[in-house]
Amino acid sequence: MQTHLLTRSWLCASAFTAHLADKATGAGADLALFDLEDSVPADRKAAAREALRVRLRACPGLPTAVRINSLSSYDGVKDLLFLLDHELVPHVLLLPKTVLPNDVSLAAALLAERQLAGVQIYAIIETVSSLWSLRTMTSAPPGLAGLIFGAADFRADLGVPPTGTDLRFVQQDIALAARRFGLVAIDSPCFALEDPARLDVELAEAHALGFAGKIAIHPSQIAAINQRFTPSREAVDDARRLVDASDRDPSCTIFRVDDEMVGPPFLKYARHVLDSARQARRR
């Protein structure tokens, strides 16, 4: 099990979707995300689990993620037990409508009992209650690796239209909590499949807030997502020049690079850029 995953782009589809891993690989996605929740009708949950068993075992070369149903529901509990009983081990387990910290603690305990503690747990923040719990948490529950924003469900919980409402205040809270607890923040999908400009706007906003990736619901979205969350050549060159200048005189904490005075915060960000670029190259 990998401990460090590249998480820029997640191609999501129903567990029934044939060749999702091939589509994700072909598009350059970092993970194939199999869904057991919203994309599966209530009367087909059991069949979806069986389909998932086939799908997961058919994609050993690509990191996988599984979104189960809410652990507050019977189907969610059955989903998790099915994964454990059949030794189906995705790289990432997504918990929708997460009740923090209880859902994470339960999933982590069951995974640890089966010696599967390497599975990374991501909490989907898509209800007012989960956001409020996130705001009041003093520490991250063991096993939690990341936070995912679920915009459509959050809007539904607020009682507003599923698209269009400005939810940057929610994204800010998620990004800040992720940074505070050392977690990865992933943005909600863009549902406008024929509007690349809309996708670009969402990507720019998420990146500016500190998100590290975004869910995709169509292979055509992957390239733009990867580009946004991978440092550009220019950004890498600028970061390298700054770090090199610092390395030449480690005793100097504030110095000039070109026409700009830089100090520790600039260096911290430059090293972050270089680290992100290295991770992207490992894919």
Protein backbone atom coordinates (compact mmCIF):
# COMPACT_ATOMS: atom_id res chain seq x y z
CA MET A 1 0.00 0.00 0.00
CA GLN A 2 1.38 3.39 -0.96
CA THR A 3 1.80 5.90 1.83
CA HIS A 4 2.17 8.91 -0.48
CA LEU A 5 -0.28 9.24 -3.33
CA LEU A 6 -0.48 11.74 -6.12
CA THR A 7 -4.00 13.11 -5.69
CA ARG A 8 -4.46 15.83 -8.30
CA SER A 9 -7.15 14.10 -10.38
CA TRP A 10 -9.72 11.45 -9.45
CA LEU A 11 -11.85 10.02 -12.26
CA CYS A 12 -15.16 9.04 -10.67
CA ALA A 13 -17.79 6.65 -12.02
CA SER A 14 -20.23 4.02 -10.82
CA ALA A 15 -18.86 0.68 -9.69
CA PHE A 16 -20.80 -0.75 -12.64
CA THR A 17 -18.68 1.20 -15.14
CA ALA A 18 -16.57 -1.16 -17.20
CA HIS A 19 -12.95 -0.24 -17.89
CA LEU A 20 -12.91 2.74 -15.51
CA ALA A 21 -9.28 2.01 -14.70
CA ASP A 22 -8.39 1.95 -18.40
CA LYS A 23 -10.22 5.23 -18.97
CA ALA A 24 -8.51 6.80 -15.97
CA THR A 25 -5.10 5.60 -17.10
CA GLY A 26 -5.68 6.76 -20.66
CA ALA A 27 -6.73 10.21 -19.50
CA GLY A 28 -3.78 10.51 -17.12
CA ALA A 29 -5.82 10.49 -13.90
CA ASP A 30 -4.00 9.86 -10.64
CA LEU A 31 -6.76 7.68 -9.19
CA ALA A 32 -9.76 5.67 -10.39
CA LEU A 33 -12.67 6.39 -8.04
CA PHE A 34 -15.37 3.71 -7.89
CA ASP A 35 -18.70 4.90 -6.53
CA LEU A 36 -21.20 2.86 -4.52
CA GLU A 37 -23.27 5.84 -3.39
CA ASP A 38 -25.19 8.35 -5.53
CA SER A 39 -24.58 6.68 -8.90
CA VAL A 40 -26.07 3.36 -7.73
CA PRO A 41 -29.87 2.97 -7.32
CA ALA A 42 -31.04 1.74 -3.92
CA ASP A 43 -32.19 -1.60 -5.30
CA ARG A 44 -28.83 -2.31 -6.96
CA LYS A 45 -26.44 -1.75 -4.06
CA ALA A 46 -25.69 -5.46 -3.62
CA ALA A 47 -25.02 -5.89 -7.34
CA ALA A 48 -22.72 -2.86 -7.28
CA ARG A 49 -20.63 -4.43 -4.53
CA GLU A 50 -20.18 -7.57 -6.60
CA ALA A 51 -19.24 -5.46 -9.63
CA LEU A 52 -16.74 -3.58 -7.50
CA ARG A 53 -15.04 -6.83 -6.53
CA VAL A 54 -14.36 -7.52 -10.21
CA ARG A 55 -13.32 -3.94 -11.01
CA LEU A 56 -10.84 -3.55 -8.15
CA ARG A 57 -9.07 -6.79 -8.91
CA ALA A 58 -8.73 -5.79 -12.56
CA CYS A 59 -6.66 -2.63 -11.99
CA PRO A 60 -3.52 -3.50 -10.01
CA GLY A 61 -1.40 -0.82 -11.69
CA LEU A 62 -3.44 2.28 -10.86
CA PRO A 63 -4.25 3.69 -7.41
CA THR A 64 -7.91 3.18 -6.61
CA ALA A 65 -10.47 4.83 -4.37
CA VAL A 66 -13.93 3.71 -3.30
CA ARG A 67 -16.79 5.91 -2.14
CA ILE A 68 -19.07 3.83 0.03
CA ASN A 69 -22.51 4.88 1.26
CA SER A 70 -22.82 6.88 4.46
CA LEU A 71 -21.86 4.93 7.56
CA SER A 72 -25.05 6.27 9.10
CA SER A 73 -26.92 3.99 6.69
CA TYR A 74 -27.30 0.22 6.52
CA ASP A 75 -25.84 0.20 3.00
CA GLY A 76 -22.74 2.08 4.15
CA VAL A 77 -22.05 -0.45 6.90
CA LYS A 78 -22.59 -3.30 4.43
CA ASP A 79 -20.24 -1.62 1.94
CA LEU A 80 -17.42 -1.40 4.46
CA LEU A 81 -17.91 -4.95 5.73
CA PHE A 82 -18.01 -6.22 2.13
CA LEU A 83 -14.64 -4.62 1.41
CA LEU A 84 -13.16 -6.12 4.57
CA ASP A 85 -14.68 -9.58 4.22
CA HIS A 86 -13.51 -9.93 0.61
CA GLU A 87 -10.11 -8.36 1.28
CA LEU A 88 -10.72 -5.62 -1.27
CA VAL A 89 -8.14 -2.99 -0.47
CA PRO A 90 -8.43 0.35 -2.28
CA HIS A 91 -5.74 2.93 -1.71
CA VAL A 92 -8.36 5.42 -0.51
CA LEU A 93 -11.71 4.99 1.25
CA LEU A 94 -14.15 7.90 0.88
CA LEU A 95 -16.76 8.45 3.58
CA PRO A 96 -19.72 10.53 2.33
CA LYS A 97 -21.77 12.80 4.58
CA THR A 98 -19.15 12.15 7.21
CA VAL A 99 -20.06 12.38 10.86
CA LEU A 100 -16.82 13.66 12.39
CA PRO A 101 -14.95 12.17 14.10
CA ASN A 102 -17.10 9.06 14.66
CA ASP A 103 -17.23 7.71 11.09
CA VAL A 104 -13.49 8.04 10.62
CA SER A 105 -12.74 6.40 13.96
CA LEU A 106 -15.04 3.46 13.16
CA ALA A 107 -13.60 2.89 9.69
CA ALA A 108 -10.02 3.24 10.94
CA ALA A 109 -10.62 0.76 13.77
CA LEU A 110 -12.11 -1.86 11.45
CA LEU A 111 -9.31 -1.42 8.93
CA ALA A 112 -6.69 -1.73 11.66
CA GLU A 113 -8.36 -4.88 12.99
CA ARG A 114 -7.85 -6.45 9.56
CA GLN A 115 -4.29 -5.07 9.42
CA LEU A 116 -5.28 -2.65 6.65
CA ALA A 117 -4.28 0.56 8.40
CA GLY A 118 -2.47 1.68 5.23
CA VAL A 119 -5.79 2.49 3.54
CA GLN A 120 -6.17 6.26 3.51
CA ILE A 121 -9.50 7.63 4.72
CA TYR A 122 -10.96 10.80 3.18
CA ALA A 123 -13.95 12.52 4.76
CA ILE A 124 -16.41 14.15 2.37
CA ILE A 125 -17.63 17.45 3.77
CA GLU A 126 -21.07 17.87 2.21
CA THR A 127 -23.46 18.74 5.03
CA VAL A 128 -23.75 21.72 7.35
CA SER A 129 -23.28 19.35 10.27
CA SER A 130 -20.00 17.94 8.93
CA LEU A 131 -18.68 21.43 8.27
CA TRP A 132 -19.59 22.53 11.77
CA SER A 133 -17.88 19.48 13.27
CA LEU A 134 -14.81 20.21 11.17
CA ARG A 135 -14.71 23.78 12.46
CA THR A 136 -14.80 22.64 16.09
CA MET A 137 -12.34 19.73 15.85
CA THR A 138 -9.20 20.19 17.92
CA SER A 139 -7.33 17.30 16.27
CA ALA A 140 -7.79 14.99 13.33
CA PRO A 141 -8.99 11.47 14.15
CA PRO A 142 -6.33 8.79 13.51
CA GLY A 143 -6.52 7.41 10.00
CA LEU A 144 -7.87 10.57 8.38
CA ALA A 145 -5.72 11.53 5.38
CA GLY A 146 -7.83 14.06 3.52
CA LEU A 147 -10.97 16.14 3.12
CA ILE A 148 -13.17 16.32 0.03
CA PHE A 149 -15.69 19.05 -0.63
CA GLY A 150 -19.10 17.80 -1.79
CA ALA A 151 -20.64 20.94 -3.26
CA ALA A 152 -23.89 19.53 -4.68
CA ASP A 153 -24.97 17.81 -1.48
CA PHE A 154 -23.87 20.80 0.59
CA ARG A 155 -26.07 23.09 -1.49
CA ALA A 156 -28.96 20.65 -1.12
CA ASP A 157 -28.48 20.66 2.64
CA LEU A 158 -28.55 24.46 2.60
CA GLY A 159 -31.72 24.42 0.52
CA VAL A 160 -30.21 26.32 -2.41
CA PRO A 161 -29.89 25.37 -6.12
CA PRO A 162 -27.35 22.57 -6.79
CA THR A 163 -25.17 24.87 -8.93
CA GLY A 164 -24.30 28.54 -8.97
CA THR A 165 -24.37 29.42 -5.28
CA ASP A 166 -21.01 30.82 -4.11
CA LEU A 167 -19.60 28.38 -1.55
CA ARG A 168 -16.07 29.72 -1.27
CA PHE A 169 -16.62 30.27 2.44
CA VAL A 170 -17.00 26.48 2.79
CA GLN A 171 -13.96 25.81 0.62
CA GLN A 172 -11.93 28.19 2.76
CA ASP A 173 -12.87 26.32 5.93
CA ILE A 174 -12.01 22.97 4.37
CA ALA A 175 -8.67 24.22 3.04
CA LEU A 176 -7.74 25.78 6.37
CA ALA A 177 -8.69 22.66 8.33
CA ALA A 178 -6.68 20.50 5.94
CA ARG A 179 -3.63 22.70 6.40
CA ARG A 180 -4.09 22.82 10.16
CA PHE A 181 -4.25 19.04 10.53
CA GLY A 182 -1.79 18.09 7.80
CA LEU A 183 -4.45 16.67 5.48
CA VAL A 184 -5.03 16.80 1.72
CA ALA A 185 -7.90 18.99 0.45
CA ILE A 186 -9.73 17.90 -2.73
CA ASP A 187 -12.34 19.99 -4.51
CA SER A 188 -15.82 18.99 -5.65
CA PRO A 189 -16.34 18.03 -9.31
CA CYS A 190 -17.33 20.48 -12.01
CA PHE A 191 -20.69 19.35 -13.40
CA ALA A 192 -20.53 21.54 -16.54
CA LEU A 193 -19.16 18.95 -18.95
CA GLU A 194 -19.40 21.17 -22.04
CA ASP A 195 -18.04 24.32 -20.38
CA PRO A 196 -14.23 24.19 -20.06
CA ALA A 197 -14.21 27.85 -19.03
CA ARG A 198 -16.33 26.97 -15.99
CA LEU A 199 -13.90 24.20 -15.10
CA ASP A 200 -10.96 26.60 -15.41
CA VAL A 201 -12.65 29.08 -13.06
CA GLU A 202 -13.32 26.39 -10.46
CA LEU A 203 -9.75 25.11 -10.74
CA ALA A 204 -8.27 28.57 -10.32
CA GLU A 205 -10.40 29.25 -7.24
CA ALA A 206 -9.62 25.89 -5.63
CA HIS A 207 -5.90 26.17 -6.33
CA ALA A 208 -5.79 29.70 -4.93
CA LEU A 209 -7.37 28.47 -1.69
CA GLY A 210 -4.84 25.67 -1.24
CA PHE A 211 -6.66 22.63 -2.58
CA ALA A 212 -4.41 19.89 -3.97
CA GLY A 213 -6.75 18.26 -6.49
CA LYS A 214 -10.25 17.90 -7.88
CA ILE A 215 -12.72 15.13 -8.63
CA ALA A 216 -13.47 14.58 -12.33
CA ILE A 217 -16.65 13.08 -13.72
CA HIS A 218 -15.43 12.83 -17.31
CA PRO A 219 -12.02 11.90 -18.78
CA SER A 220 -11.99 15.18 -20.73
CA GLN A 221 -11.57 17.09 -17.46
CA ILE A 222 -8.40 15.31 -16.35
CA ALA A 223 -5.81 17.21 -18.40
CA ALA A 224 -6.95 20.61 -17.13
CA ILE A 225 -7.02 19.38 -13.54
CA ASN A 226 -3.52 17.92 -13.75
CA GLN A 227 -2.17 21.07 -15.35
CA ARG A 228 -3.61 23.33 -12.66
CA PHE A 229 -2.30 21.24 -9.78
CA THR A 230 1.16 20.66 -11.25
CA PRO A 231 3.68 23.51 -10.91
CA SER A 232 4.50 25.10 -14.26
CA ARG A 233 8.04 25.09 -15.64
CA GLU A 234 8.26 28.81 -14.89
CA ALA A 235 7.14 28.30 -11.29
CA VAL A 236 9.68 25.52 -10.80
CA ASP A 237 12.49 27.62 -12.28
CA ASP A 238 11.60 30.56 -10.03
CA ALA A 239 11.48 28.32 -6.98
CA ARG A 240 14.82 26.72 -7.84
CA ARG A 241 16.51 30.11 -8.25
CA LEU A 242 15.21 31.22 -4.88
CA VAL A 243 16.32 28.05 -3.09
CA ASP A 244 19.71 28.14 -4.80
CA ALA A 245 20.21 31.75 -3.72
CA SER A 246 19.41 30.79 -0.14
CA ASP A 247 21.75 27.79 -0.25
CA ARG A 248 24.64 29.99 -1.34
CA ASP A 249 24.44 31.91 1.94
CA PRO A 250 22.42 29.99 4.56
CA SER A 251 23.27 32.59 7.22
CA CYS A 252 21.28 35.24 5.35
CA THR A 253 17.55 34.92 6.03
CA ILE A 254 16.40 37.89 3.95
CA PHE A 255 18.00 38.56 0.58
CA ARG A 256 17.36 39.90 -2.88
CA VAL A 257 16.47 37.83 -5.92
CA ASP A 258 16.19 39.93 -9.07
CA ASP A 259 14.06 42.93 -8.08
CA GLU A 260 12.38 41.35 -5.06
CA MET A 261 13.30 41.03 -1.39
CA VAL A 262 12.52 37.54 -0.14
CA GLY A 263 12.60 35.79 3.21
CA PRO A 264 11.50 32.62 5.03
CA PRO A 265 7.86 32.58 3.81
CA PHE A 266 9.04 32.82 0.19
CA LEU A 267 11.49 29.98 0.75
CA LYS A 268 8.84 27.83 2.37
CA TYR A 269 6.56 28.22 -0.63
CA ALA A 270 9.44 27.65 -3.08
CA ARG A 271 10.26 24.34 -1.42
CA HIS A 272 6.59 23.39 -1.56
CA VAL A 273 6.58 24.07 -5.32
CA LEU A 274 9.67 21.93 -5.85
CA ASP A 275 8.24 19.11 -3.74
CA SER A 276 4.97 19.19 -5.71
CA ALA A 277 6.88 19.06 -8.98
CA ARG A 278 8.92 16.07 -7.78
CA GLN A 279 5.77 14.19 -6.79
CA ALA A 280 4.19 14.84 -10.19
CA ARG A 281 7.28 13.49 -11.96
CA ARG A 282 7.05 10.21 -10.02
CA ARG A 283 3.72 9.31 -11.60
